[in-house]
Amino acid sequence: MHITHLRFQTEKNHTKSTFIIDGKFYCFILEDGFNVKKIHGETRITPATRKITLRNEGGMHEDYLKRFGKNFHKGMLWIRDVNNYKYVYIHIGNTPQNTLGCLLTGFSANTNSSSISESTNAYKKIYPIIRDAILRKQEVLIETIDIQQIL
């Protein structure tokens, strides 16, 4: 499975992107803004292609397990091998304050606002697709691209 995470709007405190799975658009993504030097909780990840796996330990995993149940939630969608970051997840949230370097899902992304909406619904749409691919032992890659690089 190949996920294209294509950034189209960069502001001081946030970045908006599209989330495309195997060539099909699924949702929008909200992240922190760009900083040359990493600032904890305020800096998005660098562009690259990385593997996604499931992480089934930690506080966020336990919270999602309680929220969604064991039939749905099998672990956090963990973007691996991000320099200077420990755990980067794809998860639910609506504002830059919810990101902490992670990718937040949403169905609506107003370019005049720093937030996204319908985050839970977007997450519930993409999570089983990615989860099931990982559980089938399929390699899941996410390619983060800054649109400026391809113009």
C-alpha atoms as a PDB file:
ATOM      1  CA  MET A   1       0.000   0.000   0.000  1.00  0.00           C
ATOM      2  CA  HIS A   2       1.258   3.449  -0.881  1.00  0.00           C
ATOM      3  CA  ILE A   3      -0.017   6.576   0.859  1.00  0.00           C
ATOM      4  CA  THR A   4       0.750   9.987  -0.583  1.00  0.00           C
ATOM      5  CA  HIS A   5       0.718  12.748   2.017  1.00  0.00           C
ATOM      6  CA  LEU A   6       0.763  15.853  -0.197  1.00  0.00           C
ATOM      7  CA  ARG A   7       1.183  19.188   1.601  1.00  0.00           C
ATOM      8  CA  PHE A   8      -0.606  22.073  -0.084  1.00  0.00           C
ATOM      9  CA  GLN A   9      -0.811  24.845   2.564  1.00  0.00           C
ATOM     10  CA  THR A  10       1.898  25.879   4.989  1.00  0.00           C
ATOM     11  CA  GLU A  11       1.257  28.544   7.601  1.00  0.00           C
ATOM     12  CA  LYS A  12       3.335  29.592  10.619  1.00  0.00           C
ATOM     13  CA  ASN A  13       1.555  27.270  13.066  1.00  0.00           C
ATOM     14  CA  HIS A  14       0.013  24.609  10.816  1.00  0.00           C
ATOM     15  CA  THR A  15       0.179  22.688   7.562  1.00  0.00           C
ATOM     16  CA  LYS A  16      -2.676  21.183   5.547  1.00  0.00           C
ATOM     17  CA  SER A  17      -2.315  18.186   3.267  1.00  0.00           C
ATOM     18  CA  THR A  18      -4.207  15.596   1.303  1.00  0.00           C
ATOM     19  CA  PHE A  19      -4.109  11.895   2.220  1.00  0.00           C
ATOM     20  CA  ILE A  20      -4.218   9.636  -0.825  1.00  0.00           C
ATOM     21  CA  ILE A  21      -4.217   5.826  -0.530  1.00  0.00           C
ATOM     22  CA  ASP A  22      -3.156   3.953  -3.671  1.00  0.00           C
ATOM     23  CA  GLY A  23      -4.126   6.907  -5.863  1.00  0.00           C
ATOM     24  CA  LYS A  24      -7.514   7.643  -4.231  1.00  0.00           C
ATOM     25  CA  PHE A  25      -8.191  10.707  -2.060  1.00  0.00           C
ATOM     26  CA  TYR A  26      -9.485   9.797   1.412  1.00  0.00           C
ATOM     27  CA  CYS A  27      -9.177  12.831   3.679  1.00  0.00           C
ATOM     28  CA  PHE A  28      -7.250  15.908   4.677  1.00  0.00           C
ATOM     29  CA  ILE A  29      -4.389  16.058   7.170  1.00  0.00           C
ATOM     30  CA  LEU A  30      -3.482  18.782   9.651  1.00  0.00           C
ATOM     31  CA  GLU A  31       0.042  19.035  11.048  1.00  0.00           C
ATOM     32  CA  ASP A  32       2.236  21.510  12.837  1.00  0.00           C
ATOM     33  CA  GLY A  33       3.968  24.261  10.890  1.00  0.00           C
ATOM     34  CA  PHE A  34       7.419  24.215   9.315  1.00  0.00           C
ATOM     35  CA  ASN A  35      10.467  25.037  11.421  1.00  0.00           C
ATOM     36  CA  VAL A  36      14.062  24.674  10.235  1.00  0.00           C
ATOM     37  CA  LYS A  37      15.059  23.411  13.680  1.00  0.00           C
ATOM     38  CA  LYS A  38      12.691  21.030  15.490  1.00  0.00           C
ATOM     39  CA  ILE A  39      10.652  22.628  18.273  1.00  0.00           C
ATOM     40  CA  HIS A  40       8.872  20.055  20.439  1.00  0.00           C
ATOM     41  CA  GLY A  41       5.141  20.045  19.718  1.00  0.00           C
ATOM     42  CA  GLU A  42       5.413  22.747  17.060  1.00  0.00           C
ATOM     43  CA  THR A  43       7.239  21.205  14.100  1.00  0.00           C
ATOM     44  CA  ARG A  44       5.991  18.943  11.325  1.00  0.00           C
ATOM     45  CA  ILE A  45       7.984  15.948  10.109  1.00  0.00           C
ATOM     46  CA  THR A  46      10.381  16.252   7.179  1.00  0.00           C
ATOM     47  CA  PRO A  47       9.417  15.001   3.702  1.00  0.00           C
ATOM     48  CA  ALA A  48      10.393  11.370   3.100  1.00  0.00           C
ATOM     49  CA  THR A  49       8.969   7.922   2.460  1.00  0.00           C
ATOM     50  CA  ARG A  50       8.481   5.905   5.639  1.00  0.00           C
ATOM     51  CA  LYS A  51       6.871   2.705   6.808  1.00  0.00           C
ATOM     52  CA  ILE A  52       3.679   2.625   8.895  1.00  0.00           C
ATOM     53  CA  THR A  53       3.230  -0.097  11.518  1.00  0.00           C
ATOM     54  CA  LEU A  54       0.888  -0.638  14.452  1.00  0.00           C
ATOM     55  CA  ARG A  55       1.994   0.252  17.981  1.00  0.00           C
ATOM     56  CA  ASN A  56      -0.106  -1.511  20.582  1.00  0.00           C
ATOM     57  CA  GLU A  57       1.250  -0.043  23.788  1.00  0.00           C
ATOM     58  CA  GLY A  58       1.270   3.355  25.461  1.00  0.00           C
ATOM     59  CA  GLY A  59      -1.321   5.788  26.724  1.00  0.00           C
ATOM     60  CA  MET A  60      -2.785   6.799  23.374  1.00  0.00           C
ATOM     61  CA  HIS A  61      -3.209   3.142  22.386  1.00  0.00           C
ATOM     62  CA  GLU A  62      -5.042   2.466  25.647  1.00  0.00           C
ATOM     63  CA  ASP A  63      -7.283   5.520  25.126  1.00  0.00           C
ATOM     64  CA  TYR A  64      -8.199   4.438  21.587  1.00  0.00           C
ATOM     65  CA  LEU A  65      -8.786   0.852  22.723  1.00  0.00           C
ATOM     66  CA  LYS A  66     -11.329   2.112  25.275  1.00  0.00           C
ATOM     67  CA  ARG A  67     -12.883   4.522  22.787  1.00  0.00           C
ATOM     68  CA  PHE A  68     -13.212   2.172  19.795  1.00  0.00           C
ATOM     69  CA  GLY A  69     -13.018  -1.335  21.283  1.00  0.00           C
ATOM     70  CA  LYS A  70     -10.718  -4.259  20.565  1.00  0.00           C
ATOM     71  CA  ASN A  71     -12.549  -5.312  17.394  1.00  0.00           C
ATOM     72  CA  PHE A  72     -11.758  -1.993  15.713  1.00  0.00           C
ATOM     73  CA  HIS A  73      -8.553  -0.770  17.349  1.00  0.00           C
ATOM     74  CA  LYS A  74      -5.480  -2.989  16.950  1.00  0.00           C
ATOM     75  CA  GLY A  75      -2.806  -0.340  17.590  1.00  0.00           C
ATOM     76  CA  MET A  76      -1.867   3.219  16.726  1.00  0.00           C
ATOM     77  CA  LEU A  77      -0.872   3.971  13.129  1.00  0.00           C
ATOM     78  CA  TRP A  78       2.816   4.630  13.757  1.00  0.00           C
ATOM     79  CA  ILE A  79       4.972   6.412  11.166  1.00  0.00           C
ATOM     80  CA  ARG A  80       8.410   4.900  11.655  1.00  0.00           C
ATOM     81  CA  ASP A  81      11.939   6.251  11.489  1.00  0.00           C
ATOM     82  CA  VAL A  82      11.243   9.973  11.725  1.00  0.00           C
ATOM     83  CA  ASN A  83      14.481  11.747  12.680  1.00  0.00           C
ATOM     84  CA  ASN A  84      14.357  13.530  16.056  1.00  0.00           C
ATOM     85  CA  TYR A  85      10.866  12.160  16.838  1.00  0.00           C
ATOM     86  CA  LYS A  86       9.961   9.133  18.912  1.00  0.00           C
ATOM     87  CA  TYR A  87       6.301   8.381  18.175  1.00  0.00           C
ATOM     88  CA  VAL A  88       4.577   9.976  15.202  1.00  0.00           C
ATOM     89  CA  TYR A  89       1.018   8.740  14.763  1.00  0.00           C
ATOM     90  CA  ILE A  90      -1.911   9.299  12.440  1.00  0.00           C
ATOM     91  CA  HIS A  91      -4.769  10.116  14.795  1.00  0.00           C
ATOM     92  CA  ILE A  92      -7.816  12.217  15.656  1.00  0.00           C
ATOM     93  CA  GLY A  93      -7.673  15.951  16.356  1.00  0.00           C
ATOM     94  CA  ASN A  94      -8.881  19.257  14.969  1.00  0.00           C
ATOM     95  CA  THR A  95      -6.316  21.964  15.784  1.00  0.00           C
ATOM     96  CA  PRO A  96      -2.538  22.451  15.747  1.00  0.00           C
ATOM     97  CA  GLN A  97      -2.583  22.043  19.531  1.00  0.00           C
ATOM     98  CA  ASN A  98      -3.673  18.405  19.005  1.00  0.00           C
ATOM     99  CA  THR A  99      -0.810  17.434  16.677  1.00  0.00           C
ATOM    100  CA  LEU A 100       2.461  17.363  18.668  1.00  0.00           C
ATOM    101  CA  GLY A 101       4.221  16.405  15.429  1.00  0.00           C
ATOM    102  CA  CYS A 102       1.569  13.864  14.408  1.00  0.00           C
ATOM    103  CA  LEU A 103      -0.851  13.801  11.468  1.00  0.00           C
ATOM    104  CA  LEU A 104      -4.509  14.559  12.215  1.00  0.00           C
ATOM    105  CA  THR A 105      -7.286  13.334   9.924  1.00  0.00           C
ATOM    106  CA  GLY A 106     -10.292  15.362   8.766  1.00  0.00           C
ATOM    107  CA  PHE A 107     -12.936  15.478   6.050  1.00  0.00           C
ATOM    108  CA  SER A 108     -13.057  19.268   5.851  1.00  0.00           C
ATOM    109  CA  ALA A 109     -10.107  21.668   5.629  1.00  0.00           C
ATOM    110  CA  ASN A 110     -10.904  25.372   5.332  1.00  0.00           C
ATOM    111  CA  THR A 111      -7.832  27.192   3.988  1.00  0.00           C
ATOM    112  CA  ASN A 112      -8.856  30.311   5.985  1.00  0.00           C
ATOM    113  CA  SER A 113      -8.666  28.451   9.294  1.00  0.00           C
ATOM    114  CA  SER A 114      -5.987  26.553  11.197  1.00  0.00           C
ATOM    115  CA  SER A 115      -8.352  23.673  11.960  1.00  0.00           C
ATOM    116  CA  ILE A 116      -9.939  20.680  10.274  1.00  0.00           C
ATOM    117  CA  SER A 117     -13.268  19.053  11.042  1.00  0.00           C
ATOM    118  CA  GLU A 118     -14.921  15.632  11.134  1.00  0.00           C
ATOM    119  CA  SER A 119     -11.659  14.159  12.351  1.00  0.00           C
ATOM    120  CA  THR A 120     -13.152  11.075  13.999  1.00  0.00           C
ATOM    121  CA  ASN A 121     -15.175  10.176  10.908  1.00  0.00           C
ATOM    122  CA  ALA A 122     -12.115  10.537   8.672  1.00  0.00           C
ATOM    123  CA  TYR A 123     -10.049   8.410  11.036  1.00  0.00           C
ATOM    124  CA  LYS A 124     -12.730   5.734  11.133  1.00  0.00           C
ATOM    125  CA  LYS A 125     -12.639   5.648   7.325  1.00  0.00           C
ATOM    126  CA  ILE A 126      -8.876   5.297   6.837  1.00  0.00           C
ATOM    127  CA  TYR A 127      -7.926   3.311   9.938  1.00  0.00           C
ATOM    128  CA  PRO A 128      -9.422  -0.073   8.959  1.00  0.00           C
ATOM    129  CA  ILE A 129      -7.943   0.148   5.462  1.00  0.00           C
ATOM    130  CA  ILE A 130      -4.424   0.717   6.781  1.00  0.00           C
ATOM    131  CA  ARG A 131      -4.846  -1.579   9.806  1.00  0.00           C
ATOM    132  CA  ASP A 132      -6.020  -4.488   7.675  1.00  0.00           C
ATOM    133  CA  ALA A 133      -3.156  -4.073   5.202  1.00  0.00           C
ATOM    134  CA  ILE A 134      -0.652  -4.167   8.082  1.00  0.00           C
ATOM    135  CA  LEU A 135      -2.351  -7.189   9.654  1.00  0.00           C
ATOM    136  CA  ARG A 136      -2.124  -8.970   6.272  1.00  0.00           C
ATOM    137  CA  LYS A 137       1.645  -8.309   6.448  1.00  0.00           C
ATOM    138  CA  GLN A 138       1.442  -5.926   3.502  1.00  0.00           C
ATOM    139  CA  GLU A 139       4.064  -3.194   3.522  1.00  0.00           C
ATOM    140  CA  VAL A 140       2.438   0.191   4.080  1.00  0.00           C
ATOM    141  CA  LEU A 141       4.470   3.219   3.035  1.00  0.00           C
ATOM    142  CA  ILE A 142       3.639   6.886   3.451  1.00  0.00           C
ATOM    143  CA  GLU A 143       5.368   9.399   1.202  1.00  0.00           C
ATOM    144  CA  THR A 144       5.313  12.956   2.540  1.00  0.00           C
ATOM    145  CA  ILE A 145       5.731  15.539  -0.216  1.00  0.00           C
ATOM    146  CA  ASP A 146       5.900  19.317   0.025  1.00  0.00           C
ATOM    147  CA  ILE A 147       4.049  20.565  -3.051  1.00  0.00           C
ATOM    148  CA  GLN A 148       6.765  23.207  -3.586  1.00  0.00           C
ATOM    149  CA  GLN A 149       9.122  20.347  -4.481  1.00  0.00           C
ATOM    150  CA  ILE A 150       6.998  19.234  -7.418  1.00  0.00           C
ATOM    151  CA  LEU A 151       6.032  22.613  -8.907  1.00  0.00           C
END
